[in-house]
Amino acid sequence: MNEHRPFHVHDADAPGALSSADAARAALADFDSNAQSFFLSLRPEPQQMPLDFLVHVGLLPPEQLGVTRTLGGDTMEVARARADALAIECARYALLERRKLALEHFRRGFLGAMGAAGSASMPQDDEPGCLDVTRHLALFTPVELSLMLGGKETLSATELIEMIDWPNAKEALETWGTDKPAVLLRTYLVGLGDLSSNRCLDLFKCITARRAVPAHMQERITLAAARSPKDDSVYDGRAAAEVYTCFAQLKLPKYESLEQLEHGLNELLAQKEMFTSR
């Protein structure tokens, strides 16, 4: 949070979230799009501005409810300084003060988060179950910690292919009556190439309902036949692909061509907003 730890962990040259007003605004934009909209529209007006909106969206403490602030001044420099101070104040509260207890628990160790008695107070060093992991975490850079906690935001076709539990010829015959849908899917993914990360990541998110690819585990995707709800027969090539996100399962109709497969996947991705991400 300070000048020595970049908030934007993917950018090694990014300043700390509280190092300047510009850095604070950027950090707040990552925190909440409402904050970004507010600070983009903020003007150094001479009249009193109520702070209620900032309290309601969690950028200022409840004690500021009903308080007004003058953002204008005799000179533009004074007005800009007041607006900058407000941005840093909001960043400090929203990104640090509100989360201080949780961040302190994280710093002191996961097992000690609830204390020996199961309370929400900070555990002492000599309390049972208090595991200090700060020295272990210090071994990693912010980028590495972000990867471990938040996962990867890129996915190549090769990586996606390796995640899929491909049926053998006998299993495919029992599933679709032919192995063609599985063969077509593999051909389609190989054709994307490793540079089509966005497409592969979209498919992964849609099938698994994840925001990113976990770095600590190998997600498995299974293939199955999409069946008609009417007569339990296998869908023909005109149907869209289906997913069961709880089981990371992709259900393919009995596609006969790459064109049918691509159309079915496009139909599936067009509905991806229906799926929640975790």
C-alpha atoms as a PDB file:
ATOM      1  CA  MET A   1       0.000   0.000   0.000  1.00  0.00           C
ATOM      2  CA  ASN A   2       2.884   2.396   0.575  1.00  0.00           C
ATOM      3  CA  GLU A   3       5.484   3.820  -1.753  1.00  0.00           C
ATOM      4  CA  HIS A   4       7.543   0.625  -1.653  1.00  0.00           C
ATOM      5  CA  ARG A   5       4.820  -1.856  -2.635  1.00  0.00           C
ATOM      6  CA  PRO A   6       3.109  -1.288  -5.995  1.00  0.00           C
ATOM      7  CA  PHE A   7      -0.655  -1.644  -5.944  1.00  0.00           C
ATOM      8  CA  HIS A   8      -0.733  -2.644  -9.615  1.00  0.00           C
ATOM      9  CA  VAL A   9       1.231  -5.857  -9.140  1.00  0.00           C
ATOM     10  CA  HIS A  10       1.459  -6.537 -12.893  1.00  0.00           C
ATOM     11  CA  ASP A  11       3.360  -3.290 -13.394  1.00  0.00           C
ATOM     12  CA  ALA A  12       6.681  -3.260 -11.576  1.00  0.00           C
ATOM     13  CA  ASP A  13       7.062   0.494 -12.119  1.00  0.00           C
ATOM     14  CA  ALA A  14       3.631   1.453 -10.774  1.00  0.00           C
ATOM     15  CA  PRO A  15       3.701   3.678  -7.661  1.00  0.00           C
ATOM     16  CA  GLY A  16       2.205   2.733  -4.326  1.00  0.00           C
ATOM     17  CA  ALA A  17      -1.521   3.313  -3.900  1.00  0.00           C
ATOM     18  CA  LEU A  18      -0.967   6.112  -1.353  1.00  0.00           C
ATOM     19  CA  SER A  19       2.134   7.675  -2.896  1.00  0.00           C
ATOM     20  CA  SER A  20       0.264  10.336  -4.881  1.00  0.00           C
ATOM     21  CA  ALA A  21      -3.205  11.491  -5.846  1.00  0.00           C
ATOM     22  CA  ASP A  22      -2.876   9.963  -9.313  1.00  0.00           C
ATOM     23  CA  ALA A  23      -1.828   6.604  -7.846  1.00  0.00           C
ATOM     24  CA  ALA A  24      -4.704   6.800  -5.346  1.00  0.00           C
ATOM     25  CA  ARG A  25      -7.227   7.442  -8.128  1.00  0.00           C
ATOM     26  CA  ALA A  26      -5.850   4.548 -10.149  1.00  0.00           C
ATOM     27  CA  ALA A  27      -6.059   2.247  -7.132  1.00  0.00           C
ATOM     28  CA  LEU A  28      -9.608   3.389  -6.387  1.00  0.00           C
ATOM     29  CA  ALA A  29     -10.576   2.723 -10.006  1.00  0.00           C
ATOM     30  CA  ASP A  30      -9.387  -0.863  -9.534  1.00  0.00           C
ATOM     31  CA  PHE A  31     -11.362  -1.052  -6.289  1.00  0.00           C
ATOM     32  CA  ASP A  32     -14.679   0.276  -7.585  1.00  0.00           C
ATOM     33  CA  SER A  33     -15.835   1.674 -10.925  1.00  0.00           C
ATOM     34  CA  ASN A  34     -18.135   4.055  -9.028  1.00  0.00           C
ATOM     35  CA  ALA A  35     -15.071   5.645  -7.476  1.00  0.00           C
ATOM     36  CA  GLN A  36     -13.505   6.043 -10.899  1.00  0.00           C
ATOM     37  CA  SER A  37     -16.629   7.741 -12.268  1.00  0.00           C
ATOM     38  CA  PHE A  38     -16.799  10.051  -9.261  1.00  0.00           C
ATOM     39  CA  PHE A  39     -13.206  11.248  -9.418  1.00  0.00           C
ATOM     40  CA  LEU A  40     -13.318  11.663 -13.187  1.00  0.00           C
ATOM     41  CA  SER A  41     -16.317  13.965 -12.815  1.00  0.00           C
ATOM     42  CA  LEU A  42     -14.946  15.804  -9.773  1.00  0.00           C
ATOM     43  CA  ARG A  43     -14.361  19.500 -10.326  1.00  0.00           C
ATOM     44  CA  PRO A  44     -12.840  22.002  -7.850  1.00  0.00           C
ATOM     45  CA  GLU A  45     -16.096  23.886  -7.241  1.00  0.00           C
ATOM     46  CA  PRO A  46     -16.200  26.735  -4.697  1.00  0.00           C
ATOM     47  CA  GLN A  47     -19.417  25.515  -3.063  1.00  0.00           C
ATOM     48  CA  GLN A  48     -19.637  22.985  -0.258  1.00  0.00           C
ATOM     49  CA  MET A  49     -19.814  19.372  -1.422  1.00  0.00           C
ATOM     50  CA  PRO A  50     -21.578  16.793   0.797  1.00  0.00           C
ATOM     51  CA  LEU A  51     -19.566  13.634   1.382  1.00  0.00           C
ATOM     52  CA  ASP A  52     -22.578  11.342   1.810  1.00  0.00           C
ATOM     53  CA  PHE A  53     -22.066   9.622  -1.561  1.00  0.00           C
ATOM     54  CA  LEU A  54     -18.482   8.721  -0.668  1.00  0.00           C
ATOM     55  CA  VAL A  55     -19.670   7.297   2.643  1.00  0.00           C
ATOM     56  CA  HIS A  56     -22.421   5.237   1.011  1.00  0.00           C
ATOM     57  CA  VAL A  57     -20.039   3.614  -1.504  1.00  0.00           C
ATOM     58  CA  GLY A  58     -17.507   2.819   1.216  1.00  0.00           C
ATOM     59  CA  LEU A  59     -14.836   5.382   0.374  1.00  0.00           C
ATOM     60  CA  LEU A  60     -15.132   7.331   3.633  1.00  0.00           C
ATOM     61  CA  PRO A  61     -16.040   6.256   7.190  1.00  0.00           C
ATOM     62  CA  PRO A  62     -19.606   6.597   8.543  1.00  0.00           C
ATOM     63  CA  GLU A  63     -18.449   9.494  10.727  1.00  0.00           C
ATOM     64  CA  GLN A  64     -18.256  11.615   7.569  1.00  0.00           C
ATOM     65  CA  LEU A  65     -21.986  11.257   6.879  1.00  0.00           C
ATOM     66  CA  GLY A  66     -23.553  14.717   6.716  1.00  0.00           C
ATOM     67  CA  VAL A  67     -20.159  16.420   6.485  1.00  0.00           C
ATOM     68  CA  THR A  68     -19.460  18.851   3.643  1.00  0.00           C
ATOM     69  CA  ARG A  69     -16.127  19.760   2.120  1.00  0.00           C
ATOM     70  CA  THR A  70     -15.019  22.797   0.089  1.00  0.00           C
ATOM     71  CA  LEU A  71     -12.983  21.699  -2.914  1.00  0.00           C
ATOM     72  CA  GLY A  72     -12.528  25.147  -4.407  1.00  0.00           C
ATOM     73  CA  GLY A  73      -9.938  27.752  -3.416  1.00  0.00           C
ATOM     74  CA  ASP A  74      -8.457  31.137  -4.168  1.00  0.00           C
ATOM     75  CA  THR A  75      -6.149  29.571  -6.733  1.00  0.00           C
ATOM     76  CA  MET A  76      -6.288  26.527  -8.981  1.00  0.00           C
ATOM     77  CA  GLU A  77      -3.320  25.061  -7.113  1.00  0.00           C
ATOM     78  CA  VAL A  78      -5.221  25.187  -3.813  1.00  0.00           C
ATOM     79  CA  ALA A  79      -8.326  23.645  -5.375  1.00  0.00           C
ATOM     80  CA  ARG A  80      -6.287  20.878  -6.988  1.00  0.00           C
ATOM     81  CA  ALA A  81      -4.467  20.173  -3.720  1.00  0.00           C
ATOM     82  CA  ARG A  82      -7.794  19.815  -1.884  1.00  0.00           C
ATOM     83  CA  ALA A  83      -9.165  17.424  -4.515  1.00  0.00           C
ATOM     84  CA  ASP A  84      -5.931  15.427  -4.422  1.00  0.00           C
ATOM     85  CA  ALA A  85      -6.067  15.214  -0.641  1.00  0.00           C
ATOM     86  CA  LEU A  86      -9.616  13.882  -0.826  1.00  0.00           C
ATOM     87  CA  ALA A  87      -8.571  11.182  -3.306  1.00  0.00           C
ATOM     88  CA  ILE A  88      -5.724  10.009  -1.064  1.00  0.00           C
ATOM     89  CA  GLU A  89      -8.003  10.104   1.982  1.00  0.00           C
ATOM     90  CA  CYS A  90     -10.552   7.909   0.189  1.00  0.00           C
ATOM     91  CA  ALA A  91      -7.871   5.480  -0.951  1.00  0.00           C
ATOM     92  CA  ARG A  92      -6.434   5.216   2.552  1.00  0.00           C
ATOM     93  CA  TYR A  93      -9.823   4.442   4.089  1.00  0.00           C
ATOM     94  CA  ALA A  94     -11.261   2.149   1.382  1.00  0.00           C
ATOM     95  CA  LEU A  95      -8.098   0.188   0.645  1.00  0.00           C
ATOM     96  CA  LEU A  96      -6.386   0.188   4.038  1.00  0.00           C
ATOM     97  CA  GLU A  97      -8.398   1.327   7.058  1.00  0.00           C
ATOM     98  CA  ARG A  98     -11.550  -0.667   6.266  1.00  0.00           C
ATOM     99  CA  ARG A  99      -9.453  -3.770   5.650  1.00  0.00           C
ATOM    100  CA  LYS A 100      -6.848  -3.254   8.347  1.00  0.00           C
ATOM    101  CA  LEU A 101      -8.069  -6.049  10.628  1.00  0.00           C
ATOM    102  CA  ALA A 102      -8.335  -8.528   7.741  1.00  0.00           C
ATOM    103  CA  LEU A 103      -4.947  -7.474   6.378  1.00  0.00           C
ATOM    104  CA  GLU A 104      -3.432  -7.799   9.832  1.00  0.00           C
ATOM    105  CA  HIS A 105      -4.862 -11.301  10.163  1.00  0.00           C
ATOM    106  CA  PHE A 106      -3.340 -12.168   6.823  1.00  0.00           C
ATOM    107  CA  ARG A 107       0.005 -10.737   7.848  1.00  0.00           C
ATOM    108  CA  ARG A 108       0.033 -12.632  11.157  1.00  0.00           C
ATOM    109  CA  GLY A 109      -1.032 -15.939   9.660  1.00  0.00           C
ATOM    110  CA  PHE A 110      -4.108 -17.781   8.416  1.00  0.00           C
ATOM    111  CA  LEU A 111      -4.444 -20.201  11.321  1.00  0.00           C
ATOM    112  CA  GLY A 112      -4.343 -17.423  13.870  1.00  0.00           C
ATOM    113  CA  ALA A 113      -7.014 -15.309  12.201  1.00  0.00           C
ATOM    114  CA  MET A 114      -9.710 -16.131  14.774  1.00  0.00           C
ATOM    115  CA  GLY A 115      -7.448 -16.343  17.826  1.00  0.00           C
ATOM    116  CA  ALA A 116      -7.180 -19.167  20.312  1.00  0.00           C
ATOM    117  CA  ALA A 117     -10.674 -18.594  21.704  1.00  0.00           C
ATOM    118  CA  GLY A 118     -12.325 -18.243  18.312  1.00  0.00           C
ATOM    119  CA  SER A 119     -12.761 -14.502  18.728  1.00  0.00           C
ATOM    120  CA  ALA A 120     -12.246 -11.893  16.060  1.00  0.00           C
ATOM    121  CA  SER A 121      -9.525 -10.153  18.060  1.00  0.00           C
ATOM    122  CA  MET A 122      -5.892 -10.339  17.053  1.00  0.00           C
ATOM    123  CA  PRO A 123      -4.114 -13.442  18.391  1.00  0.00           C
ATOM    124  CA  GLN A 124      -0.931 -13.005  20.381  1.00  0.00           C
ATOM    125  CA  ASP A 125       2.311 -14.643  19.329  1.00  0.00           C
ATOM    126  CA  ASP A 126       2.102 -17.206  22.100  1.00  0.00           C
ATOM    127  CA  GLU A 127      -1.510 -18.213  21.383  1.00  0.00           C
ATOM    128  CA  PRO A 128      -2.086 -21.734  20.054  1.00  0.00           C
ATOM    129  CA  GLY A 129      -2.767 -21.883  16.352  1.00  0.00           C
ATOM    130  CA  CYS A 130      -1.030 -18.601  15.517  1.00  0.00           C
ATOM    131  CA  LEU A 131       1.126 -19.317  12.489  1.00  0.00           C
ATOM    132  CA  ASP A 132       3.295 -16.462  11.264  1.00  0.00           C
ATOM    133  CA  VAL A 133       3.721 -16.819   7.492  1.00  0.00           C
ATOM    134  CA  THR A 134       5.192 -13.381   6.814  1.00  0.00           C
ATOM    135  CA  ARG A 135       8.721 -14.738   6.337  1.00  0.00           C
ATOM    136  CA  HIS A 136       7.395 -17.273   3.849  1.00  0.00           C
ATOM    137  CA  LEU A 137       5.404 -14.658   1.935  1.00  0.00           C
ATOM    138  CA  ALA A 138       8.446 -12.382   1.828  1.00  0.00           C
ATOM    139  CA  LEU A 139      10.135 -14.944  -0.408  1.00  0.00           C
ATOM    140  CA  PHE A 140       7.754 -14.027  -3.231  1.00  0.00           C
ATOM    141  CA  THR A 141       7.435 -10.906  -5.336  1.00  0.00           C
ATOM    142  CA  PRO A 142       4.067  -9.100  -5.560  1.00  0.00           C
ATOM    143  CA  VAL A 143       3.593 -10.578  -9.044  1.00  0.00           C
ATOM    144  CA  GLU A 144       4.156 -14.108  -7.740  1.00  0.00           C
ATOM    145  CA  LEU A 145       1.778 -13.581  -4.808  1.00  0.00           C
ATOM    146  CA  SER A 146      -0.855 -12.247  -7.175  1.00  0.00           C
ATOM    147  CA  LEU A 147      -0.462 -15.327  -9.356  1.00  0.00           C
ATOM    148  CA  MET A 148      -0.831 -17.677  -6.384  1.00  0.00           C
ATOM    149  CA  LEU A 149      -3.874 -15.904  -4.963  1.00  0.00           C
ATOM    150  CA  GLY A 150      -5.606 -14.681  -8.097  1.00  0.00           C
ATOM    151  CA  GLY A 151      -4.525 -17.144 -10.756  1.00  0.00           C
ATOM    152  CA  LYS A 152      -3.372 -16.609 -14.344  1.00  0.00           C
ATOM    153  CA  GLU A 153      -5.197 -14.330 -16.736  1.00  0.00           C
ATOM    154  CA  THR A 154      -3.757 -15.988 -19.829  1.00  0.00           C
ATOM    155  CA  LEU A 155      -4.363 -19.427 -21.301  1.00  0.00           C
ATOM    156  CA  SER A 156      -2.845 -20.930 -24.433  1.00  0.00           C
ATOM    157  CA  ALA A 157      -4.505 -23.495 -26.675  1.00  0.00           C
ATOM    158  CA  THR A 158      -1.882 -26.063 -25.637  1.00  0.00           C
ATOM    159  CA  GLU A 159      -2.679 -25.546 -21.947  1.00  0.00           C
ATOM    160  CA  LEU A 160      -6.412 -25.785 -22.574  1.00  0.00           C
ATOM    161  CA  ILE A 161      -6.012 -29.011 -24.563  1.00  0.00           C
ATOM    162  CA  GLU A 162      -4.010 -30.525 -21.705  1.00  0.00           C
ATOM    163  CA  MET A 163      -6.809 -29.692 -19.244  1.00  0.00           C
ATOM    164  CA  ILE A 164      -9.427 -31.661 -21.161  1.00  0.00           C
ATOM    165  CA  ASP A 165     -10.050 -35.297 -20.293  1.00  0.00           C
ATOM    166  CA  TRP A 166     -10.296 -36.594 -23.855  1.00  0.00           C
ATOM    167  CA  PRO A 167     -12.359 -39.780 -24.380  1.00  0.00           C
ATOM    168  CA  ASN A 168     -10.773 -42.703 -26.134  1.00  0.00           C
ATOM    169  CA  ALA A 169     -12.343 -44.113 -29.293  1.00  0.00           C
ATOM    170  CA  LYS A 170     -14.550 -46.556 -27.386  1.00  0.00           C
ATOM    171  CA  GLU A 171     -15.784 -43.896 -24.935  1.00  0.00           C
ATOM    172  CA  ALA A 172     -16.455 -41.465 -27.789  1.00  0.00           C
ATOM    173  CA  LEU A 173     -18.439 -44.128 -29.634  1.00  0.00           C
ATOM    174  CA  GLU A 174     -20.546 -44.732 -26.540  1.00  0.00           C
ATOM    175  CA  THR A 175     -20.992 -40.966 -26.024  1.00  0.00           C
ATOM    176  CA  TRP A 176     -21.854 -39.706 -29.510  1.00  0.00           C
ATOM    177  CA  GLY A 177     -21.951 -42.845 -31.618  1.00  0.00           C
ATOM    178  CA  THR A 178     -18.798 -41.464 -33.287  1.00  0.00           C
ATOM    179  CA  ASP A 179     -15.534 -39.863 -32.208  1.00  0.00           C
ATOM    180  CA  LYS A 180     -15.944 -36.913 -34.572  1.00  0.00           C
ATOM    181  CA  PRO A 181     -17.077 -34.219 -32.051  1.00  0.00           C
ATOM    182  CA  ALA A 182     -13.995 -34.789 -29.872  1.00  0.00           C
ATOM    183  CA  VAL A 183     -11.718 -34.856 -32.904  1.00  0.00           C
ATOM    184  CA  LEU A 184     -13.261 -31.625 -34.202  1.00  0.00           C
ATOM    185  CA  LEU A 185     -12.811 -29.879 -30.851  1.00  0.00           C
ATOM    186  CA  ARG A 186      -9.148 -30.830 -30.667  1.00  0.00           C
ATOM    187  CA  THR A 187      -8.641 -29.723 -34.292  1.00  0.00           C
ATOM    188  CA  TYR A 188     -10.385 -26.417 -33.537  1.00  0.00           C
ATOM    189  CA  LEU A 189      -8.220 -25.707 -30.474  1.00  0.00           C
ATOM    190  CA  VAL A 190      -5.014 -26.645 -32.276  1.00  0.00           C
ATOM    191  CA  GLY A 191      -6.036 -24.286 -35.058  1.00  0.00           C
ATOM    192  CA  LEU A 192      -6.374 -21.419 -32.599  1.00  0.00           C
ATOM    193  CA  GLY A 193      -2.679 -21.595 -31.779  1.00  0.00           C
ATOM    194  CA  ASP A 194      -1.041 -20.484 -28.564  1.00  0.00           C
ATOM    195  CA  LEU A 195      -1.501 -16.797 -29.427  1.00  0.00           C
ATOM    196  CA  SER A 196      -5.303 -16.944 -29.099  1.00  0.00           C
ATOM    197  CA  SER A 197      -5.227 -16.597 -25.317  1.00  0.00           C
ATOM    198  CA  ASN A 198      -8.416 -14.513 -25.102  1.00  0.00           C
ATOM    199  CA  ARG A 199     -10.502 -17.107 -26.936  1.00  0.00           C
ATOM    200  CA  CYS A 200      -9.131 -19.996 -24.884  1.00  0.00           C
ATOM    201  CA  LEU A 201      -9.587 -18.063 -21.647  1.00  0.00           C
ATOM    202  CA  ASP A 202     -13.181 -17.207 -22.587  1.00  0.00           C
ATOM    203  CA  LEU A 203     -13.913 -20.886 -23.139  1.00  0.00           C
ATOM    204  CA  PHE A 204     -12.256 -21.819 -19.857  1.00  0.00           C
ATOM    205  CA  LYS A 205     -14.237 -19.183 -17.929  1.00  0.00           C
ATOM    206  CA  CYS A 206     -17.474 -20.262 -19.555  1.00  0.00           C
ATOM    207  CA  ILE A 207     -16.952 -23.965 -18.779  1.00  0.00           C
ATOM    208  CA  THR A 208     -15.615 -23.563 -15.238  1.00  0.00           C
ATOM    209  CA  ALA A 209     -17.232 -20.271 -14.112  1.00  0.00           C
ATOM    210  CA  ARG A 210     -13.815 -19.050 -12.964  1.00  0.00           C
ATOM    211  CA  ARG A 211     -12.373 -15.589 -13.452  1.00  0.00           C
ATOM    212  CA  ALA A 212      -8.845 -16.878 -14.004  1.00  0.00           C
ATOM    213  CA  VAL A 213      -6.885 -20.102 -14.280  1.00  0.00           C
ATOM    214  CA  PRO A 214      -5.838 -21.287 -10.792  1.00  0.00           C
ATOM    215  CA  ALA A 215      -2.081 -21.442 -10.442  1.00  0.00           C
ATOM    216  CA  HIS A 216      -2.185 -23.922  -7.560  1.00  0.00           C
ATOM    217  CA  MET A 217      -4.243 -26.636  -9.231  1.00  0.00           C
ATOM    218  CA  GLN A 218      -4.816 -28.278 -12.581  1.00  0.00           C
ATOM    219  CA  GLU A 219      -8.428 -27.735 -13.550  1.00  0.00           C
ATOM    220  CA  ARG A 220      -9.908 -30.697 -15.406  1.00  0.00           C
ATOM    221  CA  ILE A 221     -12.578 -30.349 -18.097  1.00  0.00           C
ATOM    222  CA  THR A 222     -14.674 -33.337 -19.131  1.00  0.00           C
ATOM    223  CA  LEU A 223     -16.488 -33.900 -22.410  1.00  0.00           C
ATOM    224  CA  ALA A 224     -20.001 -35.298 -22.694  1.00  0.00           C
ATOM    225  CA  ALA A 225     -22.808 -35.477 -25.240  1.00  0.00           C
ATOM    226  CA  ALA A 226     -25.480 -32.793 -25.259  1.00  0.00           C
ATOM    227  CA  ARG A 227     -28.787 -34.641 -25.367  1.00  0.00           C
ATOM    228  CA  SER A 228     -32.206 -33.522 -26.511  1.00  0.00           C
ATOM    229  CA  PRO A 229     -34.652 -32.934 -23.646  1.00  0.00           C
ATOM    230  CA  LYS A 230     -37.439 -34.436 -25.744  1.00  0.00           C
ATOM    231  CA  ASP A 231     -36.330 -37.952 -26.607  1.00  0.00           C
ATOM    232  CA  ASP A 232     -32.894 -38.246 -24.938  1.00  0.00           C
ATOM    233  CA  SER A 233     -31.234 -38.576 -28.326  1.00  0.00           C
ATOM    234  CA  VAL A 234     -27.946 -36.829 -29.073  1.00  0.00           C
ATOM    235  CA  TYR A 235     -28.381 -33.259 -30.312  1.00  0.00           C
ATOM    236  CA  ASP A 236     -27.626 -32.755 -33.974  1.00  0.00           C
ATOM    237  CA  GLY A 237     -25.050 -30.325 -35.328  1.00  0.00           C
ATOM    238  CA  ARG A 238     -27.392 -27.336 -35.333  1.00  0.00           C
ATOM    239  CA  ALA A 239     -27.525 -27.069 -31.521  1.00  0.00           C
ATOM    240  CA  ALA A 240     -25.308 -24.912 -29.324  1.00  0.00           C
ATOM    241  CA  ALA A 241     -22.757 -26.456 -27.011  1.00  0.00           C
ATOM    242  CA  GLU A 242     -23.683 -26.671 -23.343  1.00  0.00           C
ATOM    243  CA  VAL A 243     -21.771 -26.490 -20.065  1.00  0.00           C
ATOM    244  CA  TYR A 244     -22.271 -27.760 -16.534  1.00  0.00           C
ATOM    245  CA  THR A 245     -20.062 -25.370 -14.564  1.00  0.00           C
ATOM    246  CA  CYS A 246     -20.435 -27.283 -11.281  1.00  0.00           C
ATOM    247  CA  PHE A 247     -18.599 -30.206 -12.877  1.00  0.00           C
ATOM    248  CA  ALA A 248     -16.478 -28.226 -15.383  1.00  0.00           C
ATOM    249  CA  GLN A 249     -18.192 -30.257 -18.096  1.00  0.00           C
ATOM    250  CA  LEU A 250     -18.499 -29.293 -21.747  1.00  0.00           C
ATOM    251  CA  LYS A 251     -21.374 -30.983 -23.581  1.00  0.00           C
ATOM    252  CA  LEU A 252     -21.008 -31.184 -27.338  1.00  0.00           C
ATOM    253  CA  PRO A 253     -23.788 -32.081 -29.776  1.00  0.00           C
ATOM    254  CA  LYS A 254     -23.038 -34.511 -32.576  1.00  0.00           C
ATOM    255  CA  TYR A 255     -21.138 -32.042 -34.729  1.00  0.00           C
ATOM    256  CA  GLU A 256     -20.171 -33.131 -38.215  1.00  0.00           C
ATOM    257  CA  SER A 257     -17.927 -30.231 -39.265  1.00  0.00           C
ATOM    258  CA  LEU A 258     -15.675 -27.519 -37.897  1.00  0.00           C
ATOM    259  CA  GLU A 259     -18.195 -24.922 -39.004  1.00  0.00           C
ATOM    260  CA  GLN A 260     -20.895 -26.533 -36.861  1.00  0.00           C
ATOM    261  CA  LEU A 261     -18.538 -26.776 -33.880  1.00  0.00           C
ATOM    262  CA  GLU A 262     -17.421 -23.165 -34.144  1.00  0.00           C
ATOM    263  CA  HIS A 263     -21.018 -21.998 -34.484  1.00  0.00           C
ATOM    264  CA  GLY A 264     -22.002 -24.017 -31.410  1.00  0.00           C
ATOM    265  CA  LEU A 265     -19.147 -22.602 -29.329  1.00  0.00           C
ATOM    266  CA  ASN A 266     -19.959 -19.069 -30.464  1.00  0.00           C
ATOM    267  CA  GLU A 267     -23.556 -19.594 -29.360  1.00  0.00           C
ATOM    268  CA  LEU A 268     -22.299 -20.824 -25.998  1.00  0.00           C
ATOM    269  CA  LEU A 269     -19.949 -17.871 -25.468  1.00  0.00           C
ATOM    270  CA  ALA A 270     -22.718 -15.450 -26.407  1.00  0.00           C
ATOM    271  CA  GLN A 271     -24.509 -16.646 -23.274  1.00  0.00           C
ATOM    272  CA  LYS A 272     -21.445 -16.510 -21.006  1.00  0.00           C
ATOM    273  CA  GLU A 273     -22.813 -13.525 -19.053  1.00  0.00           C
ATOM    274  CA  MET A 274     -25.319 -15.952 -17.554  1.00  0.00           C
ATOM    275  CA  PHE A 275     -22.545 -17.720 -15.674  1.00  0.00           C
ATOM    276  CA  THR A 276     -21.179 -16.458 -12.394  1.00  0.00           C
ATOM    277  CA  SER A 277     -17.431 -16.222 -11.871  1.00  0.00           C
ATOM    278  CA  ARG A 278     -15.507 -17.245  -8.789  1.00  0.00           C
END
